[in-house]
Each structure stands twice: as C-alpha cells, then as structure tokens.
Amino acid sequence: MKSSSINDTPICNNFKKTNQTMVHSHPR
C-alpha cells in the first residue's frame, strides 16, 4: 500500500490532473 493519505489530498489530485501529460512522460 502506497501513501494513501497523500493520494487523498486534493493537491495531489490537482497535480495529477495538471501534470497528466507529465505523468505519462515519466510515470512514478
């Protein structure tokens, strides 16, 4: 199980949406 708390944060959600292309470029 990864950091569920961080994933639950709205900031992470926004970051994922804003960096959707970046995530595809270099997935963590």
PDB file of N, CA and C in Angstrom:
ATOM      1  N   MET A   1       0.839  -1.216   0.000  1.00  0.00           N
ATOM      2  CA  MET A   1       0.000   0.000   0.000  1.00  0.00           C
ATOM      3  C   MET A   1       0.869   1.259   0.000  1.00  0.00           C
ATOM      4  N   LYS A   2       0.618   2.120  -0.953  1.00  0.00           N
ATOM      5  CA  LYS A   2       1.412   3.363  -1.011  1.00  0.00           C
ATOM      6  C   LYS A   2       0.796   4.436  -0.096  1.00  0.00           C
ATOM      7  N   SER A   3       1.348   5.608  -0.121  1.00  0.00           N
ATOM      8  CA  SER A   3       0.824   6.700   0.729  1.00  0.00           C
ATOM      9  C   SER A   3      -0.597   7.063   0.310  1.00  0.00           C
ATOM     10  N   SER A   4      -1.554   6.431   0.956  1.00  0.00           N
ATOM     11  CA  SER A   4      -2.960   6.710   0.618  1.00  0.00           C
ATOM     12  C   SER A   4      -3.330   8.118   1.071  1.00  0.00           C
ATOM     13  N   SER A   5      -2.717   8.542   2.170  1.00  0.00           N
ATOM     14  CA  SER A   5      -3.023   9.879   2.715  1.00  0.00           C
ATOM     15  C   SER A   5      -2.662  10.947   1.681  1.00  0.00           C
ATOM     16  N   ILE A   6      -1.498  10.832   1.080  1.00  0.00           N
ATOM     17  CA  ILE A   6      -1.056  11.833   0.092  1.00  0.00           C
ATOM     18  C   ILE A   6      -1.969  11.785  -1.136  1.00  0.00           C
ATOM     19  N   ASN A   7      -2.376  10.578  -1.495  1.00  0.00           N
ATOM     20  CA  ASN A   7      -3.251  10.433  -2.666  1.00  0.00           C
ATOM     21  C   ASN A   7      -4.624  11.035  -2.388  1.00  0.00           C
ATOM     22  N   ASP A   8      -4.987  11.037  -1.119  1.00  0.00           N
ATOM     23  CA  ASP A   8      -6.298  11.564  -0.738  1.00  0.00           C
ATOM     24  C   ASP A   8      -6.307  13.092  -0.762  1.00  0.00           C
ATOM     25  N   THR A   9      -5.135  13.680  -0.669  1.00  0.00           N
ATOM     26  CA  THR A   9      -5.051  15.151  -0.632  1.00  0.00           C
ATOM     27  C   THR A   9      -5.514  15.738  -1.965  1.00  0.00           C
ATOM     28  N   PRO A  10      -6.231  16.844  -1.922  1.00  0.00           N
ATOM     29  CA  PRO A  10      -6.723  17.498  -3.140  1.00  0.00           C
ATOM     30  C   PRO A  10      -5.572  18.042  -3.986  1.00  0.00           C
ATOM     31  N   ILE A  11      -4.489  18.412  -3.312  1.00  0.00           N
ATOM     32  CA  ILE A  11      -3.330  18.953  -4.037  1.00  0.00           C
ATOM     33  C   ILE A  11      -2.770  17.900  -4.993  1.00  0.00           C
ATOM     34  N   CYS A  12      -2.641  16.696  -4.489  1.00  0.00           N
ATOM     35  CA  CYS A  12      -2.123  15.596  -5.325  1.00  0.00           C
ATOM     36  C   CYS A  12      -3.058  15.367  -6.510  1.00  0.00           C
ATOM     37  N   ASN A  13      -4.346  15.438  -6.235  1.00  0.00           N
ATOM     38  CA  ASN A  13      -5.336  15.232  -7.291  1.00  0.00           C
ATOM     39  C   ASN A  13      -5.184  16.303  -8.361  1.00  0.00           C
ATOM     40  N   ASN A  14      -5.042  17.529  -7.917  1.00  0.00           N
ATOM     41  CA  ASN A  14      -4.900  18.643  -8.859  1.00  0.00           C
ATOM     42  C   ASN A  14      -3.593  18.488  -9.640  1.00  0.00           C
ATOM     43  N   PHE A  15      -2.568  18.081  -8.928  1.00  0.00           N
ATOM     44  CA  PHE A  15      -1.259  17.929  -9.564  1.00  0.00           C
ATOM     45  C   PHE A  15      -1.330  16.850 -10.642  1.00  0.00           C
ATOM     46  N   LYS A  16      -2.021  15.781 -10.324  1.00  0.00           N
ATOM     47  CA  LYS A  16      -2.152  14.675 -11.286  1.00  0.00           C
ATOM     48  C   LYS A  16      -2.883  15.146 -12.530  1.00  0.00           C
ATOM     49  N   LYS A  17      -3.938  15.929 -12.320  1.00  0.00           N
ATOM     50  CA  LYS A  17      -4.718  16.411 -13.463  1.00  0.00           C
ATOM     51  C   LYS A  17      -3.913  17.426 -14.263  1.00  0.00           C
ATOM     52  N   THR A  18      -3.216  18.298 -13.543  1.00  0.00           N
ATOM     53  CA  THR A  18      -2.420  19.329 -14.215  1.00  0.00           C
ATOM     54  C   THR A  18      -1.210  18.708 -14.909  1.00  0.00           C
ATOM     55  N   ASN A  19      -0.646  17.703 -14.272  1.00  0.00           N
ATOM     56  CA  ASN A  19       0.535  17.044 -14.856  1.00  0.00           C
ATOM     57  C   ASN A  19       0.166  15.696 -15.453  1.00  0.00           C
ATOM     58  N   GLN A  20      -0.999  15.628 -16.035  1.00  0.00           N
ATOM     59  CA  GLN A  20      -1.432  14.347 -16.627  1.00  0.00           C
ATOM     60  C   GLN A  20      -0.456  13.928 -17.723  1.00  0.00           C
ATOM     61  N   THR A  21      -0.070  14.879 -18.548  1.00  0.00           N
ATOM     62  CA  THR A  21       0.856  14.565 -19.639  1.00  0.00           C
ATOM     63  C   THR A  21       2.223  14.214 -19.063  1.00  0.00           C
ATOM     64  N   MET A  22       2.620  14.945 -18.013  1.00  0.00           N
ATOM     65  CA  MET A  22       3.927  14.688 -17.410  1.00  0.00           C
ATOM     66  C   MET A  22       3.968  13.273 -16.841  1.00  0.00           C
ATOM     67  N   VAL A  23       2.868  12.887 -16.211  1.00  0.00           N
ATOM     68  CA  VAL A  23       2.817  11.542 -15.621  1.00  0.00           C
ATOM     69  C   VAL A  23       3.030  10.500 -16.712  1.00  0.00           C
ATOM     70  N   HIS A  24       2.460  10.758 -17.876  1.00  0.00           N
ATOM     71  CA  HIS A  24       2.623   9.815 -18.991  1.00  0.00           C
ATOM     72  C   HIS A  24       4.057   9.830 -19.492  1.00  0.00           C
ATOM     73  N   SER A  25       4.659  11.001 -19.399  1.00  0.00           N
ATOM     74  CA  SER A  25       6.037  11.153 -19.873  1.00  0.00           C
ATOM     75  C   SER A  25       6.987  10.347 -18.980  1.00  0.00           C
ATOM     76  N   HIS A  26       6.844  10.518 -17.682  1.00  0.00           N
ATOM     77  CA  HIS A  26       7.706   9.779 -16.747  1.00  0.00           C
ATOM     78  C   HIS A  26       6.889   9.321 -15.542  1.00  0.00           C
ATOM     79  N   PRO A  27       6.284   8.145 -15.656  1.00  0.00           N
ATOM     80  CA  PRO A  27       5.461   7.586 -14.570  1.00  0.00           C
ATOM     81  C   PRO A  27       6.278   7.288 -13.325  1.00  0.00           C
ATOM     82  N   ARG A  28       5.668   7.521 -12.163  1.00  0.00           N
ATOM     83  CA  ARG A  28       6.439   7.280 -10.923  1.00  0.00           C
ATOM     84  C   ARG A  28       6.336   5.806 -10.578  1.00  0.00           C
TER      85      ARG A  28
END
